Amino acid sequence: MKELSWLQKFKEIAIGWKNVVFKNEAAEQIAFTRASICADCDYNIFNTCSKCSCPLVAKMRNPDSICPMNKW
C-alpha cells in the first residue's frame, strides 16, 4: 500500500475531526464498526495508531480513511 503524503494525511484527519465536531450519523456508524476492530489491535496505543500516527477518534470518522494494516 502506498503511504500518504503529509498533506493527504492532514486532509484525511481534518475531515475526521470535522465529523467529530459536527456529528455525522453515517460517519458515526462507520466509526462504531471501526472502533470495535481497533479495540483489539496491537497498533492502537492510547487511541493513536502507532503504524500511521493518526488519532483514531478522527481517522475512524473519515469514510475515505483506510487502516494501514488493511483491517478496514
PDB file of N, CA and C in Angstrom:
ATOM      1  N   MET A   1       0.845  -1.181   0.000  1.00  0.00           N
ATOM      2  CA  MET A   1       0.000   0.000   0.000  1.00  0.00           C
ATOM      3  C   MET A   1       0.886   1.239   0.000  1.00  0.00           C
ATOM      4  N   LYS A   2       0.496   2.241  -0.772  1.00  0.00           N
ATOM      5  CA  LYS A   2       1.234   3.478  -0.870  1.00  0.00           C
ATOM      6  C   LYS A   2       1.003   4.332   0.373  1.00  0.00           C
ATOM      7  N   GLU A   3       2.084   4.888   0.907  1.00  0.00           N
ATOM      8  CA  GLU A   3       1.970   5.743   2.089  1.00  0.00           C
ATOM      9  C   GLU A   3       1.476   7.131   1.673  1.00  0.00           C
ATOM     10  N   LEU A   4       0.640   7.726   2.512  1.00  0.00           N
ATOM     11  CA  LEU A   4       0.097   9.053   2.230  1.00  0.00           C
ATOM     12  C   LEU A   4       1.135  10.131   2.490  1.00  0.00           C
ATOM     13  N   SER A   5       1.091  11.191   1.695  1.00  0.00           N
ATOM     14  CA  SER A   5       1.937  12.351   1.960  1.00  0.00           C
ATOM     15  C   SER A   5       1.406  13.051   3.202  1.00  0.00           C
ATOM     16  N   TRP A   6       2.205  13.924   3.776  1.00  0.00           N
ATOM     17  CA  TRP A   6       1.771  14.632   4.994  1.00  0.00           C
ATOM     18  C   TRP A   6       0.531  15.464   4.712  1.00  0.00           C
ATOM     19  N   LEU A   7       0.411  16.041   3.508  1.00  0.00           N
ATOM     20  CA  LEU A   7      -0.750  16.862   3.174  1.00  0.00           C
ATOM     21  C   LEU A   7      -2.002  15.987   3.035  1.00  0.00           C
ATOM     22  N   GLN A   8      -1.871  14.842   2.404  1.00  0.00           N
ATOM     23  CA  GLN A   8      -3.007  13.922   2.276  1.00  0.00           C
ATOM     24  C   GLN A   8      -3.455  13.442   3.656  1.00  0.00           C
ATOM     25  N   LYS A   9      -2.485  13.117   4.510  1.00  0.00           N
ATOM     26  CA  LYS A   9      -2.815  12.655   5.859  1.00  0.00           C
ATOM     27  C   LYS A   9      -3.503  13.767   6.646  1.00  0.00           C
ATOM     28  N   PHE A  10      -3.017  15.006   6.505  1.00  0.00           N
ATOM     29  CA  PHE A  10      -3.631  16.153   7.178  1.00  0.00           C
ATOM     30  C   PHE A  10      -5.082  16.317   6.740  1.00  0.00           C
ATOM     31  N   LYS A  11      -5.324  16.255   5.446  1.00  0.00           N
ATOM     32  CA  LYS A  11      -6.689  16.391   4.927  1.00  0.00           C
ATOM     33  C   LYS A  11      -7.586  15.261   5.431  1.00  0.00           C
ATOM     34  N   GLU A  12      -7.054  14.054   5.445  1.00  0.00           N
ATOM     35  CA  GLU A  12      -7.816  12.894   5.917  1.00  0.00           C
ATOM     36  C   GLU A  12      -8.251  13.093   7.370  1.00  0.00           C
ATOM     37  N   ILE A  13      -7.328  13.521   8.207  1.00  0.00           N
ATOM     38  CA  ILE A  13      -7.628  13.699   9.625  1.00  0.00           C
ATOM     39  C   ILE A  13      -8.515  14.924   9.841  1.00  0.00           C
ATOM     40  N   ALA A  14      -8.325  15.974   9.055  1.00  0.00           N
ATOM     41  CA  ALA A  14      -9.171  17.172   9.179  1.00  0.00           C
ATOM     42  C   ALA A  14     -10.641  16.827   8.905  1.00  0.00           C
ATOM     43  N   ILE A  15     -10.886  16.017   7.910  1.00  0.00           N
ATOM     44  CA  ILE A  15     -12.255  15.590   7.620  1.00  0.00           C
ATOM     45  C   ILE A  15     -12.805  14.777   8.786  1.00  0.00           C
ATOM     46  N   GLY A  16     -11.972  13.919   9.345  1.00  0.00           N
ATOM     47  CA  GLY A  16     -12.391  13.147  10.504  1.00  0.00           C
ATOM     48  C   GLY A  16     -12.746  14.025  11.689  1.00  0.00           C
ATOM     49  N   TRP A  17     -11.919  15.051  11.981  1.00  0.00           N
ATOM     50  CA  TRP A  17     -12.201  15.963  13.085  1.00  0.00           C
ATOM     51  C   TRP A  17     -13.482  16.753  12.824  1.00  0.00           C
ATOM     52  N   LYS A  18     -13.718  17.126  11.556  1.00  0.00           N
ATOM     53  CA  LYS A  18     -14.953  17.828  11.215  1.00  0.00           C
ATOM     54  C   LYS A  18     -16.153  16.954  11.576  1.00  0.00           C
ATOM     55  N   ASN A  19     -16.035  15.650  11.307  1.00  0.00           N
ATOM     56  CA  ASN A  19     -17.123  14.729  11.621  1.00  0.00           C
ATOM     57  C   ASN A  19     -17.238  14.466  13.124  1.00  0.00           C
ATOM     58  N   VAL A  20     -16.189  14.723  13.880  1.00  0.00           N
ATOM     59  CA  VAL A  20     -16.262  14.626  15.344  1.00  0.00           C
ATOM     60  C   VAL A  20     -17.040  15.817  15.886  1.00  0.00           C
ATOM     61  N   VAL A  21     -16.690  17.013  15.405  1.00  0.00           N
ATOM     62  CA  VAL A  21     -17.305  18.252  15.905  1.00  0.00           C
ATOM     63  C   VAL A  21     -18.750  18.383  15.424  1.00  0.00           C
ATOM     64  N   PHE A  22     -18.967  18.172  14.140  1.00  0.00           N
ATOM     65  CA  PHE A  22     -20.303  18.267  13.559  1.00  0.00           C
ATOM     66  C   PHE A  22     -20.788  16.844  13.291  1.00  0.00           C
ATOM     67  N   LYS A  23     -21.487  16.279  14.255  1.00  0.00           N
ATOM     68  CA  LYS A  23     -21.882  14.871  14.199  1.00  0.00           C
ATOM     69  C   LYS A  23     -22.526  14.514  12.862  1.00  0.00           C
ATOM     70  N   ASN A  24     -22.014  13.463  12.279  1.00  0.00           N
ATOM     71  CA  ASN A  24     -22.474  12.943  11.010  1.00  0.00           C
ATOM     72  C   ASN A  24     -22.876  11.492  11.275  1.00  0.00           C
ATOM     73  N   GLU A  25     -24.147  11.185  11.152  1.00  0.00           N
ATOM     74  CA  GLU A  25     -24.642   9.864  11.513  1.00  0.00           C
ATOM     75  C   GLU A  25     -23.956   8.747  10.722  1.00  0.00           C
ATOM     76  N   ALA A  26     -23.721   8.961   9.442  1.00  0.00           N
ATOM     77  CA  ALA A  26     -23.054   7.940   8.631  1.00  0.00           C
ATOM     78  C   ALA A  26     -21.625   7.709   9.125  1.00  0.00           C
ATOM     79  N   ALA A  27     -20.927   8.797   9.434  1.00  0.00           N
ATOM     80  CA  ALA A  27     -19.552   8.682   9.940  1.00  0.00           C
ATOM     81  C   ALA A  27     -19.533   8.004  11.304  1.00  0.00           C
ATOM     82  N   GLU A  28     -20.538   8.262  12.130  1.00  0.00           N
ATOM     83  CA  GLU A  28     -20.605   7.628  13.445  1.00  0.00           C
ATOM     84  C   GLU A  28     -20.832   6.116  13.318  1.00  0.00           C
ATOM     85  N   GLN A  29     -21.648   5.707  12.378  1.00  0.00           N
ATOM     86  CA  GLN A  29     -21.873   4.277  12.141  1.00  0.00           C
ATOM     87  C   GLN A  29     -20.572   3.592  11.715  1.00  0.00           C
ATOM     88  N   ILE A  30     -19.844   4.249  10.800  1.00  0.00           N
ATOM     89  CA  ILE A  30     -18.565   3.715  10.336  1.00  0.00           C
ATOM     90  C   ILE A  30     -17.574   3.653  11.492  1.00  0.00           C
ATOM     91  N   ALA A  31     -17.517   4.719  12.282  1.00  0.00           N
ATOM     92  CA  ALA A  31     -16.587   4.781  13.413  1.00  0.00           C
ATOM     93  C   ALA A  31     -16.883   3.689  14.430  1.00  0.00           C
ATOM     94  N   PHE A  32     -18.145   3.413  14.679  1.00  0.00           N
ATOM     95  CA  PHE A  32     -18.528   2.374  15.637  1.00  0.00           C
ATOM     96  C   PHE A  32     -17.980   1.015  15.194  1.00  0.00           C
ATOM     97  N   THR A  33     -18.139   0.707  13.927  1.00  0.00           N
ATOM     98  CA  THR A  33     -17.647  -0.558  13.385  1.00  0.00           C
ATOM     99  C   THR A  33     -16.122  -0.614  13.453  1.00  0.00           C
ATOM    100  N   ARG A  34     -15.485   0.473  13.044  1.00  0.00           N
ATOM    101  CA  ARG A  34     -14.020   0.516  13.049  1.00  0.00           C
ATOM    102  C   ARG A  34     -13.454   0.462  14.465  1.00  0.00           C
ATOM    103  N   ALA A  35     -14.133   1.100  15.409  1.00  0.00           N
ATOM    104  CA  ALA A  35     -13.656   1.111  16.796  1.00  0.00           C
ATOM    105  C   ALA A  35     -13.602  -0.302  17.368  1.00  0.00           C
ATOM    106  N   SER A  36     -14.575  -1.124  17.009  1.00  0.00           N
ATOM    107  CA  SER A  36     -14.575  -2.496  17.515  1.00  0.00           C
ATOM    108  C   SER A  36     -13.388  -3.286  16.963  1.00  0.00           C
ATOM    109  N   ILE A  37     -12.968  -2.962  15.758  1.00  0.00           N
ATOM    110  CA  ILE A  37     -11.801  -3.613  15.160  1.00  0.00           C
ATOM    111  C   ILE A  37     -10.521  -3.090  15.809  1.00  0.00           C
ATOM    112  N   CYS A  38     -10.436  -1.775  15.957  1.00  0.00           N
ATOM    113  CA  CYS A  38      -9.228  -1.149  16.519  1.00  0.00           C
ATOM    114  C   CYS A  38      -9.029  -1.465  18.003  1.00  0.00           C
ATOM    115  N   ALA A  39     -10.095  -1.773  18.700  1.00  0.00           N
ATOM    116  CA  ALA A  39     -10.005  -2.031  20.142  1.00  0.00           C
ATOM    117  C   ALA A  39      -9.026  -3.157  20.461  1.00  0.00           C
ATOM    118  N   ASP A  40      -8.954  -4.157  19.590  1.00  0.00           N
ATOM    119  CA  ASP A  40      -8.084  -5.307  19.821  1.00  0.00           C
ATOM    120  C   ASP A  40      -6.772  -5.262  19.032  1.00  0.00           C
ATOM    121  N   CYS A  41      -6.514  -4.155  18.356  1.00  0.00           N
ATOM    122  CA  CYS A  41      -5.321  -4.055  17.513  1.00  0.00           C
ATOM    123  C   CYS A  41      -4.085  -3.709  18.350  1.00  0.00           C
ATOM    124  N   ASP A  42      -2.987  -4.374  18.077  1.00  0.00           N
ATOM    125  CA  ASP A  42      -1.731  -4.109  18.779  1.00  0.00           C
ATOM    126  C   ASP A  42      -1.159  -2.725  18.472  1.00  0.00           C
ATOM    127  N   TYR A  43      -1.581  -2.116  17.368  1.00  0.00           N
ATOM    128  CA  TYR A  43      -1.072  -0.799  16.986  1.00  0.00           C
ATOM    129  C   TYR A  43      -1.865   0.350  17.611  1.00  0.00           C
ATOM    130  N   ASN A  44      -2.942   0.028  18.314  1.00  0.00           N
ATOM    131  CA  ASN A  44      -3.746   1.044  18.999  1.00  0.00           C
ATOM    132  C   ASN A  44      -3.088   1.333  20.346  1.00  0.00           C
ATOM    133  N   ILE A  45      -2.374   2.448  20.398  1.00  0.00           N
ATOM    134  CA  ILE A  45      -1.678   2.863  21.612  1.00  0.00           C
ATOM    135  C   ILE A  45      -2.321   4.178  22.079  1.00  0.00           C
ATOM    136  N   PHE A  46      -3.066   4.117  23.173  1.00  0.00           N
ATOM    137  CA  PHE A  46      -3.758   5.293  23.713  1.00  0.00           C
ATOM    138  C   PHE A  46      -4.578   6.013  22.645  1.00  0.00           C
ATOM    139  N   ASN A  47      -5.352   5.224  21.869  1.00  0.00           N
ATOM    140  CA  ASN A  47      -6.239   5.735  20.813  1.00  0.00           C
ATOM    141  C   ASN A  47      -5.508   6.479  19.705  1.00  0.00           C
ATOM    142  N   THR A  48      -4.269   6.101  19.478  1.00  0.00           N
ATOM    143  CA  THR A  48      -3.481   6.591  18.349  1.00  0.00           C
ATOM    144  C   THR A  48      -2.930   5.375  17.619  1.00  0.00           C
ATOM    145  N   CYS A  49      -3.020   5.387  16.306  1.00  0.00           N
ATOM    146  CA  CYS A  49      -2.470   4.286  15.529  1.00  0.00           C
ATOM    147  C   CYS A  49      -0.953   4.451  15.483  1.00  0.00           C
ATOM    148  N   SER A  50      -0.240   3.520  16.069  1.00  0.00           N
ATOM    149  CA  SER A  50       1.220   3.641  16.079  1.00  0.00           C
ATOM    150  C   SER A  50       1.824   3.293  14.719  1.00  0.00           C
ATOM    151  N   LYS A  51       1.046   2.737  13.827  1.00  0.00           N
ATOM    152  CA  LYS A  51       1.528   2.426  12.473  1.00  0.00           C
ATOM    153  C   LYS A  51       1.570   3.686  11.603  1.00  0.00           C
ATOM    154  N   CYS A  52       0.540   4.541  11.702  1.00  0.00           N
ATOM    155  CA  CYS A  52       0.476   5.747  10.863  1.00  0.00           C
ATOM    156  C   CYS A  52       0.508   7.047  11.673  1.00  0.00           C
ATOM    157  N   SER A  53       0.454   6.934  12.999  1.00  0.00           N
ATOM    158  CA  SER A  53       0.497   8.087  13.923  1.00  0.00           C
ATOM    159  C   SER A  53      -0.763   8.946  13.903  1.00  0.00           C
ATOM    160  N   CYS A  54      -1.849   8.424  13.406  1.00  0.00           N
ATOM    161  CA  CYS A  54      -3.090   9.192  13.348  1.00  0.00           C
ATOM    162  C   CYS A  54      -3.909   8.993  14.627  1.00  0.00           C
ATOM    163  N   PRO A  55      -4.601  10.065  15.060  1.00  0.00           N
ATOM    164  CA  PRO A  55      -5.532   9.905  16.180  1.00  0.00           C
ATOM    165  C   PRO A  55      -6.752   9.122  15.693  1.00  0.00           C
ATOM    166  N   LEU A  56      -7.038   8.030  16.354  1.00  0.00           N
ATOM    167  CA  LEU A  56      -8.099   7.144  15.878  1.00  0.00           C
ATOM    168  C   LEU A  56      -9.480   7.769  15.954  1.00  0.00           C
ATOM    169  N   VAL A  57      -9.712   8.643  16.920  1.00  0.00           N
ATOM    170  CA  VAL A  57     -11.029   9.278  17.032  1.00  0.00           C
ATOM    171  C   VAL A  57     -11.385  10.009  15.734  1.00  0.00           C
ATOM    172  N   ALA A  58     -10.406  10.603  15.072  1.00  0.00           N
ATOM    173  CA  ALA A  58     -10.653  11.307  13.810  1.00  0.00           C
ATOM    174  C   ALA A  58     -10.537  10.368  12.614  1.00  0.00           C
ATOM    175  N   LYS A  59      -9.502   9.540  12.597  1.00  0.00           N
ATOM    176  CA  LYS A  59      -9.281   8.649  11.453  1.00  0.00           C
ATOM    177  C   LYS A  59     -10.480   7.746  11.201  1.00  0.00           C
ATOM    178  N   MET A  60     -11.084   7.232  12.271  1.00  0.00           N
ATOM    179  CA  MET A  60     -12.222   6.330  12.125  1.00  0.00           C
ATOM    180  C   MET A  60     -13.448   7.025  11.557  1.00  0.00           C
ATOM    181  N   ARG A  61     -13.539   8.337  11.691  1.00  0.00           N
ATOM    182  CA  ARG A  61     -14.730   9.070  11.267  1.00  0.00           C
ATOM    183  C   ARG A  61     -14.626   9.657   9.865  1.00  0.00           C
ATOM    184  N   ASN A  62     -13.555   9.372   9.168  1.00  0.00           N
ATOM    185  CA  ASN A  62     -13.463   9.769   7.771  1.00  0.00           C
ATOM    186  C   ASN A  62     -13.777   8.525   6.940  1.00  0.00           C
ATOM    187  N   PRO A  63     -14.905   8.532   6.234  1.00  0.00           N
ATOM    188  CA  PRO A  63     -15.287   7.347   5.461  1.00  0.00           C
ATOM    189  C   PRO A  63     -14.245   6.925   4.423  1.00  0.00           C
ATOM    190  N   ASP A  64     -13.398   7.857   3.988  1.00  0.00           N
ATOM    191  CA  ASP A  64     -12.391   7.540   2.972  1.00  0.00           C
ATOM    192  C   ASP A  64     -11.070   7.053   3.556  1.00  0.00           C
ATOM    193  N   SER A  65     -10.933   7.098   4.875  1.00  0.00           N
ATOM    194  CA  SER A  65      -9.703   6.620   5.507  1.00  0.00           C
ATOM    195  C   SER A  65      -9.600   5.107   5.381  1.00  0.00           C
ATOM    196  N   ILE A  66      -8.372   4.644   5.332  1.00  0.00           N
ATOM    197  CA  ILE A  66      -8.140   3.205   5.334  1.00  0.00           C
ATOM    198  C   ILE A  66      -7.149   2.873   6.438  1.00  0.00           C
ATOM    199  N   CYS A  67      -7.302   1.709   6.982  1.00  0.00           N
ATOM    200  CA  CYS A  67      -6.399   1.226   8.009  1.00  0.00           C
ATOM    201  C   CYS A  67      -5.058   0.858   7.355  1.00  0.00           C
ATOM    202  N   PRO A  68      -3.936   1.292   7.931  1.00  0.00           N
ATOM    203  CA  PRO A  68      -2.648   0.930   7.339  1.00  0.00           C
ATOM    204  C   PRO A  68      -2.357  -0.570   7.411  1.00  0.00           C
ATOM    205  N   MET A  69      -3.120  -1.294   8.230  1.00  0.00           N
ATOM    206  CA  MET A  69      -2.967  -2.746   8.324  1.00  0.00           C
ATOM    207  C   MET A  69      -4.048  -3.475   7.520  1.00  0.00           C
ATOM    208  N   ASN A  70      -4.823  -2.710   6.747  1.00  0.00           N
ATOM    209  CA  ASN A  70      -5.913  -3.246   5.912  1.00  0.00           C
ATOM    210  C   ASN A  70      -6.957  -4.032   6.711  1.00  0.00           C
ATOM    211  N   LYS A  71      -7.212  -3.578   7.941  1.00  0.00           N
ATOM    212  CA  LYS A  71      -8.235  -4.230   8.750  1.00  0.00           C
ATOM    213  C   LYS A  71      -9.617  -3.648   8.481  1.00  0.00           C
ATOM    214  N   TRP A  72      -9.660  -2.435   7.923  1.00  0.00           N
ATOM    215  CA  TRP A  72     -10.922  -1.826   7.497  1.00  0.00           C
ATOM    216  C   TRP A  72     -10.653  -0.853   6.377  1.00  0.00           C
TER     217      TRP A  72
END
